[in-house]
């Protein structure tokens, strides 16, 4: 990890901080270096900021937001990215597919991307 001196936030990659990806209610953070690399590769290919709406979730947070009981957020294998423009959504989905994301869900507010162990290569509208 690289310390970002200007913001006093622990960077886990060039474009992301631990604070962006951890559970907002308890600070849980279990992303593996391999998953961080995949997220960073998507960001580099996308070429634009990716505001993280949700990264890791503890069980209580997942219940509070109405997440699935088997949510990959609880395993630090998923991110939700705020993205409202149709063009930006298209670009982000294209990068997620290129970087072998297993699950991609398009919502009105943005994109869910996961690297779960279910072999599904799924793209759906939520």
N, C-alpha and C. Protein backbone atom coordinates (compact mmCIF):
# COMPACT_ATOMS: atom_id res chain seq x y z
N UNK A 1 0.83 -1.17 0.00
CA UNK A 1 0.00 0.00 0.00
C UNK A 1 0.88 1.24 0.00
N UNK A 2 0.39 2.29 -0.62
CA UNK A 2 1.14 3.52 -0.74
C UNK A 2 0.44 4.61 0.06
N UNK A 3 1.17 5.30 0.91
CA UNK A 3 0.58 6.38 1.71
C UNK A 3 0.46 7.64 0.86
N UNK A 4 -0.74 8.19 0.81
CA UNK A 4 -1.01 9.43 0.10
C UNK A 4 -0.84 10.56 1.11
N UNK A 5 0.30 11.25 1.06
CA UNK A 5 0.61 12.27 2.06
C UNK A 5 -0.34 13.45 2.01
N UNK A 6 -0.81 13.85 0.82
CA UNK A 6 -1.65 15.03 0.71
C UNK A 6 -3.01 14.86 1.36
N UNK A 7 -3.56 13.69 1.36
CA UNK A 7 -4.89 13.47 1.91
C UNK A 7 -4.87 12.62 3.18
N UNK A 8 -3.70 12.16 3.57
CA UNK A 8 -3.56 11.28 4.74
C UNK A 8 -4.49 10.07 4.65
N UNK A 9 -4.67 9.55 3.46
CA UNK A 9 -5.49 8.36 3.27
C UNK A 9 -4.60 7.25 2.72
N UNK A 10 -4.85 6.04 3.20
CA UNK A 10 -4.07 4.90 2.74
C UNK A 10 -4.55 4.48 1.36
N UNK A 11 -3.67 4.56 0.39
CA UNK A 11 -3.99 4.12 -0.95
C UNK A 11 -3.75 2.62 -1.06
N UNK A 12 -4.71 1.94 -1.69
CA UNK A 12 -4.53 0.51 -1.96
C UNK A 12 -4.15 0.29 -3.41
N UNK A 13 -4.28 1.34 -4.23
CA UNK A 13 -3.83 1.33 -5.62
C UNK A 13 -3.66 2.79 -6.03
N UNK A 14 -3.28 2.99 -7.26
CA UNK A 14 -3.06 4.35 -7.75
C UNK A 14 -4.32 5.21 -7.63
N UNK A 15 -5.47 4.64 -7.93
CA UNK A 15 -6.71 5.42 -7.98
C UNK A 15 -7.68 5.22 -6.82
N UNK A 16 -7.42 4.29 -5.91
CA UNK A 16 -8.38 3.99 -4.85
C UNK A 16 -7.75 4.00 -3.47
N UNK A 17 -8.53 4.48 -2.50
CA UNK A 17 -8.11 4.45 -1.11
C UNK A 17 -8.85 3.35 -0.37
N UNK A 18 -8.29 2.94 0.73
CA UNK A 18 -8.94 1.95 1.58
C UNK A 18 -10.30 2.46 2.02
N UNK A 19 -10.38 3.75 2.36
CA UNK A 19 -11.63 4.33 2.83
C UNK A 19 -12.75 4.21 1.81
N UNK A 20 -12.44 4.30 0.53
CA UNK A 20 -13.45 4.17 -0.52
C UNK A 20 -14.04 2.78 -0.59
N UNK A 21 -13.25 1.78 -0.27
CA UNK A 21 -13.62 0.39 -0.48
C UNK A 21 -14.06 -0.34 0.78
N UNK A 22 -13.82 0.23 1.94
CA UNK A 22 -14.17 -0.45 3.19
C UNK A 22 -15.63 -0.23 3.55
N UNK A 23 -16.14 -1.05 4.45
CA UNK A 23 -17.51 -0.90 4.93
C UNK A 23 -17.62 0.43 5.67
N UNK A 24 -18.60 1.27 5.31
CA UNK A 24 -18.70 2.58 5.94
C UNK A 24 -19.14 2.54 7.41
N UNK A 25 -19.75 1.45 7.85
CA UNK A 25 -20.22 1.44 9.24
C UNK A 25 -19.20 0.87 10.22
N UNK A 26 -18.30 0.00 9.74
CA UNK A 26 -17.37 -0.63 10.68
C UNK A 26 -15.92 -0.67 10.20
N UNK A 27 -15.67 -0.29 8.96
CA UNK A 27 -14.30 -0.27 8.44
C UNK A 27 -13.79 -1.61 7.93
N UNK A 28 -14.67 -2.63 7.87
CA UNK A 28 -14.25 -3.94 7.37
C UNK A 28 -13.67 -3.79 5.96
N UNK A 29 -12.53 -4.42 5.75
CA UNK A 29 -11.85 -4.36 4.45
C UNK A 29 -11.11 -5.66 4.25
N UNK A 30 -11.57 -6.46 3.27
CA UNK A 30 -10.95 -7.76 3.03
C UNK A 30 -10.60 -7.97 1.56
N UNK A 31 -10.52 -6.89 0.78
CA UNK A 31 -10.15 -7.04 -0.62
C UNK A 31 -8.74 -7.63 -0.71
N UNK A 32 -8.59 -8.63 -1.56
CA UNK A 32 -7.26 -9.22 -1.77
C UNK A 32 -6.49 -8.35 -2.77
N UNK A 33 -5.17 -8.45 -2.75
CA UNK A 33 -4.39 -7.70 -3.74
C UNK A 33 -4.83 -8.02 -5.18
N UNK A 34 -5.18 -9.28 -5.45
CA UNK A 34 -5.61 -9.65 -6.79
C UNK A 34 -6.89 -8.95 -7.23
N UNK A 35 -7.84 -8.82 -6.31
CA UNK A 35 -9.08 -8.12 -6.64
C UNK A 35 -8.83 -6.63 -6.81
N UNK A 36 -7.97 -6.07 -5.98
CA UNK A 36 -7.61 -4.65 -6.12
C UNK A 36 -6.98 -4.40 -7.49
N UNK A 37 -6.13 -5.30 -7.93
CA UNK A 37 -5.50 -5.16 -9.26
C UNK A 37 -6.57 -5.16 -10.35
N UNK A 38 -7.55 -6.05 -10.24
CA UNK A 38 -8.63 -6.10 -11.25
C UNK A 38 -9.42 -4.80 -11.27
N UNK A 39 -9.75 -4.27 -10.09
CA UNK A 39 -10.50 -3.02 -10.02
C UNK A 39 -9.67 -1.88 -10.62
N UNK A 40 -8.41 -1.85 -10.30
CA UNK A 40 -7.51 -0.81 -10.83
C UNK A 40 -7.37 -0.93 -12.36
N UNK A 41 -7.31 -2.15 -12.87
CA UNK A 41 -7.21 -2.34 -14.33
C UNK A 41 -8.47 -1.83 -15.03
N UNK A 42 -9.63 -2.05 -14.43
CA UNK A 42 -10.87 -1.51 -15.00
C UNK A 42 -10.80 0.01 -15.00
N UNK A 43 -10.36 0.60 -13.90
CA UNK A 43 -10.27 2.07 -13.80
C UNK A 43 -9.31 2.64 -14.83
N UNK A 44 -8.18 2.02 -15.01
CA UNK A 44 -7.21 2.51 -16.00
C UNK A 44 -7.76 2.43 -17.41
N UNK A 45 -8.41 1.33 -17.74
CA UNK A 45 -9.00 1.19 -19.06
C UNK A 45 -10.16 2.15 -19.29
N UNK A 46 -10.94 2.39 -18.24
CA UNK A 46 -12.09 3.30 -18.31
C UNK A 46 -11.61 4.74 -18.49
N UNK A 47 -10.54 5.10 -17.82
CA UNK A 47 -9.92 6.40 -18.01
C UNK A 47 -10.61 7.57 -17.34
N UNK A 48 -11.57 7.30 -16.46
CA UNK A 48 -12.30 8.35 -15.76
C UNK A 48 -12.44 7.96 -14.29
N UNK A 49 -12.71 8.93 -13.42
CA UNK A 49 -12.94 8.56 -12.02
C UNK A 49 -14.10 7.57 -11.89
N UNK A 50 -13.98 6.70 -10.91
CA UNK A 50 -15.02 5.72 -10.61
C UNK A 50 -15.46 5.91 -9.16
N UNK A 51 -16.42 6.78 -8.89
CA UNK A 51 -16.87 6.97 -7.51
C UNK A 51 -17.50 5.69 -6.97
N UNK A 52 -16.93 5.17 -5.90
CA UNK A 52 -17.41 3.92 -5.32
C UNK A 52 -18.58 4.21 -4.38
N UNK A 53 -19.72 3.63 -4.70
CA UNK A 53 -20.92 3.76 -3.88
C UNK A 53 -20.89 2.71 -2.77
N UNK A 54 -20.35 1.53 -3.08
CA UNK A 54 -20.30 0.45 -2.09
C UNK A 54 -19.16 -0.50 -2.47
N UNK A 55 -18.37 -0.85 -1.47
CA UNK A 55 -17.31 -1.84 -1.63
C UNK A 55 -17.62 -2.99 -0.69
N UNK A 56 -16.74 -3.20 0.30
CA UNK A 56 -16.99 -4.22 1.31
C UNK A 56 -18.19 -3.84 2.16
N UNK A 57 -19.00 -4.83 2.50
CA UNK A 57 -20.11 -4.64 3.43
C UNK A 57 -20.05 -5.72 4.51
N UNK A 58 -20.22 -5.29 5.75
CA UNK A 58 -20.41 -6.27 6.81
C UNK A 58 -21.85 -6.79 6.70
N UNK A 59 -22.17 -7.83 7.44
CA UNK A 59 -23.50 -8.41 7.35
C UNK A 59 -24.59 -7.40 7.71
N UNK A 60 -24.35 -6.60 8.75
CA UNK A 60 -25.34 -5.60 9.17
C UNK A 60 -25.57 -4.56 8.08
N UNK A 61 -24.50 -4.08 7.48
CA UNK A 61 -24.63 -3.07 6.41
C UNK A 61 -25.35 -3.67 5.21
N UNK A 62 -25.01 -4.90 4.85
CA UNK A 62 -25.64 -5.55 3.71
C UNK A 62 -27.15 -5.69 3.93
N UNK A 63 -27.53 -6.06 5.14
CA UNK A 63 -28.96 -6.17 5.47
C UNK A 63 -29.62 -4.79 5.38
N UNK A 64 -28.97 -3.78 5.93
CA UNK A 64 -29.52 -2.42 5.93
C UNK A 64 -29.79 -1.89 4.52
N UNK A 65 -28.90 -2.20 3.58
CA UNK A 65 -29.07 -1.69 2.21
C UNK A 65 -29.88 -2.63 1.33
N UNK A 66 -30.35 -3.75 1.90
CA UNK A 66 -31.18 -4.68 1.13
C UNK A 66 -30.39 -5.57 0.20
N UNK A 67 -29.13 -5.84 0.53
CA UNK A 67 -28.30 -6.70 -0.31
C UNK A 67 -28.68 -8.17 -0.21
N UNK A 68 -28.28 -8.93 -1.21
CA UNK A 68 -28.51 -10.37 -1.24
C UNK A 68 -27.82 -11.03 -0.06
N UNK A 69 -28.41 -12.12 0.44
CA UNK A 69 -27.80 -12.86 1.55
C UNK A 69 -26.47 -13.49 1.14
N UNK A 70 -26.25 -13.63 -0.16
CA UNK A 70 -24.99 -14.19 -0.67
C UNK A 70 -24.18 -13.13 -1.42
N UNK A 71 -24.38 -11.88 -1.07
CA UNK A 71 -23.73 -10.76 -1.76
C UNK A 71 -22.21 -10.90 -1.78
N UNK A 72 -21.63 -10.65 -2.94
CA UNK A 72 -20.17 -10.65 -3.06
C UNK A 72 -19.54 -9.44 -2.38
N UNK A 73 -20.35 -8.43 -2.03
CA UNK A 73 -19.83 -7.31 -1.25
C UNK A 73 -19.35 -7.79 0.12
N UNK A 74 -20.02 -8.79 0.69
CA UNK A 74 -19.64 -9.30 2.01
C UNK A 74 -18.35 -10.12 1.97
N UNK A 75 -17.90 -10.46 0.77
CA UNK A 75 -16.64 -11.19 0.59
C UNK A 75 -15.57 -10.31 -0.03
N UNK A 76 -15.82 -9.00 -0.10
CA UNK A 76 -14.89 -8.05 -0.73
C UNK A 76 -14.56 -8.46 -2.16
N UNK A 77 -15.59 -8.86 -2.89
CA UNK A 77 -15.42 -9.25 -4.29
C UNK A 77 -16.31 -8.42 -5.22
N UNK A 78 -16.84 -7.30 -4.71
CA UNK A 78 -17.75 -6.50 -5.53
C UNK A 78 -17.62 -5.02 -5.21
N UNK A 79 -17.91 -4.22 -6.23
CA UNK A 79 -18.00 -2.77 -6.05
C UNK A 79 -19.24 -2.27 -6.79
N UNK A 80 -19.80 -1.20 -6.28
CA UNK A 80 -20.86 -0.47 -6.98
C UNK A 80 -20.28 0.89 -7.33
N UNK A 81 -20.40 1.27 -8.60
CA UNK A 81 -19.81 2.51 -9.09
C UNK A 81 -20.92 3.46 -9.52
N UNK A 82 -20.91 4.67 -8.97
CA UNK A 82 -21.88 5.69 -9.37
C UNK A 82 -21.56 6.12 -10.79
N UNK A 83 -22.57 6.10 -11.65
CA UNK A 83 -22.36 6.40 -13.06
C UNK A 83 -23.73 6.63 -13.68
N UNK A 84 -24.05 7.86 -14.06
CA UNK A 84 -25.40 8.13 -14.55
C UNK A 84 -25.51 8.24 -16.07
N UNK A 85 -24.47 8.65 -16.75
CA UNK A 85 -24.50 8.81 -18.20
C UNK A 85 -24.53 7.45 -18.90
N UNK A 86 -25.39 7.31 -19.87
CA UNK A 86 -25.46 6.06 -20.65
C UNK A 86 -24.14 5.76 -21.34
N UNK A 87 -23.47 6.80 -21.82
CA UNK A 87 -22.18 6.61 -22.50
C UNK A 87 -21.13 6.11 -21.51
N UNK A 88 -21.12 6.70 -20.30
CA UNK A 88 -20.16 6.25 -19.29
C UNK A 88 -20.46 4.83 -18.85
N UNK A 89 -21.74 4.49 -18.71
CA UNK A 89 -22.11 3.12 -18.33
C UNK A 89 -21.61 2.14 -19.39
N UNK A 90 -21.81 2.48 -20.66
CA UNK A 90 -21.36 1.61 -21.74
C UNK A 90 -19.85 1.39 -21.65
N UNK A 91 -19.10 2.48 -21.48
CA UNK A 91 -17.64 2.39 -21.40
C UNK A 91 -17.20 1.55 -20.20
N UNK A 92 -17.86 1.75 -19.06
CA UNK A 92 -17.50 1.01 -17.86
C UNK A 92 -17.83 -0.47 -17.99
N UNK A 93 -18.98 -0.78 -18.54
CA UNK A 93 -19.35 -2.19 -18.76
C UNK A 93 -18.36 -2.84 -19.71
N UNK A 94 -18.00 -2.15 -20.76
CA UNK A 94 -17.04 -2.70 -21.72
C UNK A 94 -15.71 -3.05 -21.04
N UNK A 95 -15.24 -2.15 -20.18
CA UNK A 95 -13.99 -2.41 -19.46
C UNK A 95 -14.13 -3.57 -18.48
N UNK A 96 -15.25 -3.64 -17.79
CA UNK A 96 -15.47 -4.74 -16.84
C UNK A 96 -15.48 -6.09 -17.55
N UNK A 97 -16.12 -6.13 -18.71
CA UNK A 97 -16.14 -7.37 -19.50
C UNK A 97 -14.72 -7.71 -19.97
N UNK A 98 -13.99 -6.72 -20.45
CA UNK A 98 -12.63 -6.95 -20.94
C UNK A 98 -11.71 -7.45 -19.83
N UNK A 99 -11.98 -7.03 -18.60
CA UNK A 99 -11.13 -7.42 -17.48
C UNK A 99 -11.68 -8.64 -16.74
N UNK A 100 -12.62 -9.34 -17.36
CA UNK A 100 -13.12 -10.63 -16.87
C UNK A 100 -13.93 -10.56 -15.58
N UNK A 101 -14.70 -9.50 -15.41
CA UNK A 101 -15.63 -9.45 -14.28
C UNK A 101 -16.67 -10.56 -14.48
N UNK A 102 -17.06 -11.22 -13.41
CA UNK A 102 -18.03 -12.31 -13.51
C UNK A 102 -19.46 -11.82 -13.48
N UNK A 103 -19.71 -10.74 -12.79
CA UNK A 103 -21.07 -10.22 -12.68
C UNK A 103 -21.11 -8.73 -12.92
N UNK A 104 -22.00 -8.30 -13.79
CA UNK A 104 -22.17 -6.88 -14.09
C UNK A 104 -23.66 -6.61 -14.10
N UNK A 105 -24.09 -5.67 -13.28
CA UNK A 105 -25.50 -5.30 -13.23
C UNK A 105 -25.60 -3.80 -13.47
N UNK A 106 -26.43 -3.42 -14.43
CA UNK A 106 -26.62 -2.01 -14.76
C UNK A 106 -27.88 -1.51 -14.06
N UNK A 107 -27.71 -0.47 -13.26
CA UNK A 107 -28.83 0.17 -12.56
C UNK A 107 -28.98 1.60 -13.07
N UNK A 108 -30.07 2.26 -12.71
CA UNK A 108 -30.24 3.67 -13.06
C UNK A 108 -29.12 4.53 -12.49
N UNK A 109 -28.68 4.23 -11.28
CA UNK A 109 -27.68 5.03 -10.57
C UNK A 109 -26.24 4.67 -10.93
N UNK A 110 -26.02 3.50 -11.52
CA UNK A 110 -24.65 3.10 -11.81
C UNK A 110 -24.51 1.63 -12.14
N UNK A 111 -23.32 1.09 -11.85
CA UNK A 111 -22.95 -0.27 -12.26
C UNK A 111 -22.43 -1.07 -11.06
N UNK A 112 -22.93 -2.30 -10.93
CA UNK A 112 -22.39 -3.26 -9.97
C UNK A 112 -21.42 -4.14 -10.75
N UNK A 113 -20.23 -4.32 -10.19
CA UNK A 113 -19.21 -5.19 -10.81
C UNK A 113 -18.73 -6.15 -9.74
N UNK A 114 -18.73 -7.45 -10.07
CA UNK A 114 -18.18 -8.38 -9.08
C UNK A 114 -17.25 -9.40 -9.74
N UNK A 115 -16.42 -9.96 -8.87
CA UNK A 115 -15.43 -10.97 -9.26
C UNK A 115 -15.67 -12.24 -8.48
N UNK A 116 -16.95 -12.56 -8.26
CA UNK A 116 -17.33 -13.74 -7.50
C UNK A 116 -16.92 -15.03 -8.19
N UNK A 117 -17.04 -16.11 -7.44
CA UNK A 117 -16.58 -17.40 -7.94
C UNK A 117 -17.64 -18.17 -8.72
N UNK A 118 -18.80 -17.56 -8.91
CA UNK A 118 -19.81 -18.22 -9.74
C UNK A 118 -19.48 -17.98 -11.21
N UNK A 119 -19.28 -19.03 -11.98
CA UNK A 119 -18.98 -18.82 -13.40
C UNK A 119 -20.24 -18.41 -14.16
N UNK A 120 -20.39 -17.11 -14.37
CA UNK A 120 -21.63 -16.67 -14.99
C UNK A 120 -21.46 -15.62 -16.06
N UNK A 121 -20.39 -14.83 -16.01
CA UNK A 121 -20.18 -13.78 -17.00
C UNK A 121 -21.49 -13.09 -17.34
N UNK A 122 -22.15 -12.63 -16.33
CA UNK A 122 -23.51 -12.12 -16.43
C UNK A 122 -23.56 -10.61 -16.63
N UNK A 123 -24.42 -10.20 -17.50
CA UNK A 123 -24.74 -8.79 -17.68
C UNK A 123 -26.25 -8.67 -17.61
N UNK A 124 -26.75 -7.89 -16.67
CA UNK A 124 -28.19 -7.72 -16.58
C UNK A 124 -28.52 -6.32 -16.10
N UNK A 125 -29.77 -5.94 -16.30
CA UNK A 125 -30.25 -4.64 -15.84
C UNK A 125 -31.01 -4.85 -14.55
N UNK A 126 -30.63 -4.12 -13.50
CA UNK A 126 -31.27 -4.27 -12.20
C UNK A 126 -32.45 -3.35 -12.02
